[in-house]
Amino acid sequence: MAWGGSLNKDGSDYVRNLREADNVIKFLEGFKRQLEAEEKQIVSDTINIIVNLYTKESKNDSETLK
């Protein structure tokens, strides 16, 4: 890895899932531009759910490393 670390299967899966989530968020942000106001809010809520999930997982992982 570029940062000098190695990942086990769980770490590799997490990074892969994080990249997929990033791609989904990019898609949703672009898709949101085509929607009406109420639909935009639903897509924004969905994006927030994804971001919060990975933020929570990241915090949990960093706390277990301490």
N, C-alpha and C. Protein backbone atom coordinates (compact mmCIF):
# COMPACT_ATOMS: atom_id res chain seq x y z
N MET A 1 0.84 -1.17 0.00
CA MET A 1 0.00 0.00 0.00
C MET A 1 0.89 1.24 0.00
N ALA A 2 0.35 2.30 -0.51
CA ALA A 2 1.12 3.54 -0.66
C ALA A 2 1.56 4.11 0.68
N TRP A 3 0.77 3.89 1.73
CA TRP A 3 1.10 4.47 3.02
C TRP A 3 1.93 3.51 3.87
N GLY A 4 2.37 2.41 3.28
CA GLY A 4 3.30 1.52 3.97
C GLY A 4 2.66 0.48 4.86
N GLY A 5 1.35 0.40 4.90
CA GLY A 5 0.69 -0.58 5.75
C GLY A 5 0.27 -1.79 4.96
N SER A 6 -0.08 -2.82 5.66
CA SER A 6 -0.64 -3.98 5.00
C SER A 6 -2.02 -4.22 5.61
N LEU A 7 -2.89 -4.77 4.82
CA LEU A 7 -4.25 -5.00 5.28
C LEU A 7 -4.56 -6.49 5.30
N ASN A 8 -5.28 -6.91 6.31
CA ASN A 8 -5.81 -8.26 6.29
C ASN A 8 -7.09 -8.24 5.45
N LYS A 9 -7.78 -9.36 5.36
CA LYS A 9 -8.98 -9.44 4.53
C LYS A 9 -10.03 -8.43 4.97
N ASP A 10 -10.24 -8.26 6.28
CA ASP A 10 -11.24 -7.31 6.76
C ASP A 10 -10.88 -5.88 6.36
N GLY A 11 -9.62 -5.54 6.47
CA GLY A 11 -9.18 -4.20 6.10
C GLY A 11 -9.32 -3.96 4.61
N SER A 12 -8.97 -4.97 3.83
CA SER A 12 -9.11 -4.86 2.38
C SER A 12 -10.57 -4.71 1.98
N ASP A 13 -11.43 -5.49 2.62
CA ASP A 13 -12.86 -5.39 2.34
C ASP A 13 -13.38 -4.01 2.71
N TYR A 14 -12.93 -3.48 3.84
CA TYR A 14 -13.37 -2.15 4.28
C TYR A 14 -12.97 -1.08 3.26
N VAL A 15 -11.73 -1.14 2.79
CA VAL A 15 -11.26 -0.16 1.81
C VAL A 15 -12.04 -0.30 0.51
N ARG A 16 -12.27 -1.52 0.08
CA ARG A 16 -13.03 -1.76 -1.15
C ARG A 16 -14.46 -1.22 -1.00
N ASN A 17 -15.08 -1.50 0.14
CA ASN A 17 -16.44 -1.00 0.39
C ASN A 17 -16.47 0.52 0.47
N LEU A 18 -15.44 1.09 1.04
CA LEU A 18 -15.35 2.55 1.14
C LEU A 18 -15.27 3.18 -0.26
N ARG A 19 -14.48 2.57 -1.14
CA ARG A 19 -14.40 3.06 -2.52
C ARG A 19 -15.74 2.94 -3.23
N GLU A 20 -16.42 1.82 -3.02
CA GLU A 20 -17.74 1.63 -3.64
C GLU A 20 -18.73 2.66 -3.11
N ALA A 21 -18.69 2.92 -1.81
CA ALA A 21 -19.58 3.92 -1.22
C ALA A 21 -19.29 5.29 -1.80
N ASP A 22 -18.02 5.60 -2.00
CA ASP A 22 -17.64 6.88 -2.60
C ASP A 22 -18.21 7.00 -4.01
N ASN A 23 -18.13 5.93 -4.78
CA ASN A 23 -18.69 5.94 -6.14
C ASN A 23 -20.21 6.13 -6.11
N VAL A 24 -20.88 5.47 -5.17
CA VAL A 24 -22.33 5.62 -5.04
C VAL A 24 -22.69 7.06 -4.68
N ILE A 25 -21.95 7.65 -3.75
CA ILE A 25 -22.22 9.04 -3.35
C ILE A 25 -22.00 9.98 -4.52
N LYS A 26 -20.95 9.78 -5.29
CA LYS A 26 -20.72 10.61 -6.48
C LYS A 26 -21.87 10.49 -7.46
N PHE A 27 -22.35 9.26 -7.68
CA PHE A 27 -23.48 9.06 -8.57
C PHE A 27 -24.72 9.78 -8.04
N LEU A 28 -25.01 9.59 -6.75
CA LEU A 28 -26.20 10.20 -6.17
C LEU A 28 -26.15 11.73 -6.23
N GLU A 29 -24.98 12.30 -6.01
CA GLU A 29 -24.84 13.76 -6.09
C GLU A 29 -25.17 14.25 -7.50
N GLY A 30 -24.70 13.54 -8.53
CA GLY A 30 -25.02 13.92 -9.90
C GLY A 30 -26.48 13.70 -10.23
N PHE A 31 -27.02 12.59 -9.77
CA PHE A 31 -28.42 12.24 -10.01
C PHE A 31 -29.36 13.24 -9.35
N LYS A 32 -28.97 13.72 -8.19
CA LYS A 32 -29.79 14.63 -7.41
C LYS A 32 -30.12 15.91 -8.19
N ARG A 33 -29.23 16.32 -9.08
CA ARG A 33 -29.43 17.55 -9.85
C ARG A 33 -30.65 17.47 -10.76
N GLN A 34 -31.07 16.26 -11.11
CA GLN A 34 -32.18 16.07 -12.04
C GLN A 34 -33.53 15.97 -11.34
N LEU A 35 -33.57 16.04 -10.04
CA LEU A 35 -34.77 15.75 -9.27
C LEU A 35 -35.48 17.01 -8.77
N GLU A 36 -36.70 16.80 -8.35
CA GLU A 36 -37.49 17.85 -7.70
C GLU A 36 -37.02 18.00 -6.25
N ALA A 37 -37.44 19.07 -5.62
CA ALA A 37 -36.96 19.41 -4.27
C ALA A 37 -37.19 18.28 -3.27
N GLU A 38 -38.39 17.71 -3.25
CA GLU A 38 -38.70 16.66 -2.28
C GLU A 38 -37.84 15.42 -2.53
N GLU A 39 -37.64 15.09 -3.80
CA GLU A 39 -36.82 13.94 -4.15
C GLU A 39 -35.35 14.20 -3.81
N LYS A 40 -34.90 15.45 -3.99
CA LYS A 40 -33.53 15.81 -3.64
C LYS A 40 -33.28 15.57 -2.16
N GLN A 41 -34.27 15.87 -1.32
CA GLN A 41 -34.11 15.67 0.11
C GLN A 41 -33.96 14.19 0.45
N ILE A 42 -34.70 13.35 -0.24
CA ILE A 42 -34.60 11.91 -0.01
C ILE A 42 -33.21 11.41 -0.38
N VAL A 43 -32.69 11.87 -1.52
CA VAL A 43 -31.35 11.47 -1.95
C VAL A 43 -30.31 12.01 -0.97
N SER A 44 -30.48 13.25 -0.51
CA SER A 44 -29.56 13.81 0.47
C SER A 44 -29.56 13.00 1.77
N ASP A 45 -30.74 12.59 2.20
CA ASP A 45 -30.84 11.76 3.40
C ASP A 45 -30.11 10.43 3.21
N THR A 46 -30.24 9.85 2.02
CA THR A 46 -29.56 8.60 1.72
C THR A 46 -28.04 8.78 1.77
N ILE A 47 -27.57 9.87 1.19
CA ILE A 47 -26.13 10.16 1.22
C ILE A 47 -25.65 10.31 2.66
N ASN A 48 -26.43 11.01 3.47
CA ASN A 48 -26.07 11.20 4.88
C ASN A 48 -26.01 9.88 5.63
N ILE A 49 -26.90 8.97 5.32
CA ILE A 49 -26.89 7.65 5.97
C ILE A 49 -25.58 6.93 5.64
N ILE A 50 -25.19 6.96 4.38
CA ILE A 50 -23.96 6.28 3.96
C ILE A 50 -22.75 6.92 4.63
N VAL A 51 -22.68 8.24 4.61
CA VAL A 51 -21.54 8.94 5.21
C VAL A 51 -21.47 8.67 6.72
N ASN A 52 -22.61 8.74 7.39
CA ASN A 52 -22.63 8.50 8.83
C ASN A 52 -22.21 7.08 9.18
N LEU A 53 -22.62 6.12 8.37
CA LEU A 53 -22.24 4.73 8.62
C LEU A 53 -20.72 4.57 8.56
N TYR A 54 -20.10 5.12 7.52
CA TYR A 54 -18.66 4.96 7.39
C TYR A 54 -17.89 5.85 8.38
N THR A 55 -18.46 6.96 8.76
CA THR A 55 -17.83 7.79 9.79
C THR A 55 -17.85 7.05 11.13
N LYS A 56 -18.98 6.44 11.44
CA LYS A 56 -19.10 5.68 12.69
C LYS A 56 -18.14 4.50 12.70
N GLU A 57 -18.05 3.77 11.58
CA GLU A 57 -17.13 2.63 11.50
C GLU A 57 -15.69 3.09 11.65
N SER A 58 -15.36 4.22 11.05
CA SER A 58 -14.00 4.74 11.13
C SER A 58 -13.65 5.10 12.57
N LYS A 59 -14.59 5.75 13.28
CA LYS A 59 -14.35 6.10 14.69
C LYS A 59 -14.18 4.85 15.54
N ASN A 60 -15.01 3.84 15.30
CA ASN A 60 -14.91 2.59 16.06
C ASN A 60 -13.57 1.91 15.81
N ASP A 61 -13.13 1.90 14.57
CA ASP A 61 -11.85 1.27 14.24
C ASP A 61 -10.69 2.02 14.89
N SER A 62 -10.74 3.36 14.87
CA SER A 62 -9.63 4.12 15.45
C SER A 62 -9.60 3.98 16.97
N GLU A 63 -10.77 3.81 17.59
CA GLU A 63 -10.79 3.65 19.04
C GLU A 63 -10.24 2.28 19.46
N THR A 64 -10.43 1.27 18.65
CA THR A 64 -9.92 -0.05 18.99
C THR A 64 -8.42 -0.13 18.80
N LEU A 65 -7.86 0.77 17.99
CA LEU A 65 -6.41 0.78 17.79
C LEU A 65 -5.67 1.44 18.95
N LYS A 66 -6.36 2.20 19.78
CA LYS A 66 -5.71 2.92 20.89
C LYS A 66 -5.33 1.99 22.01
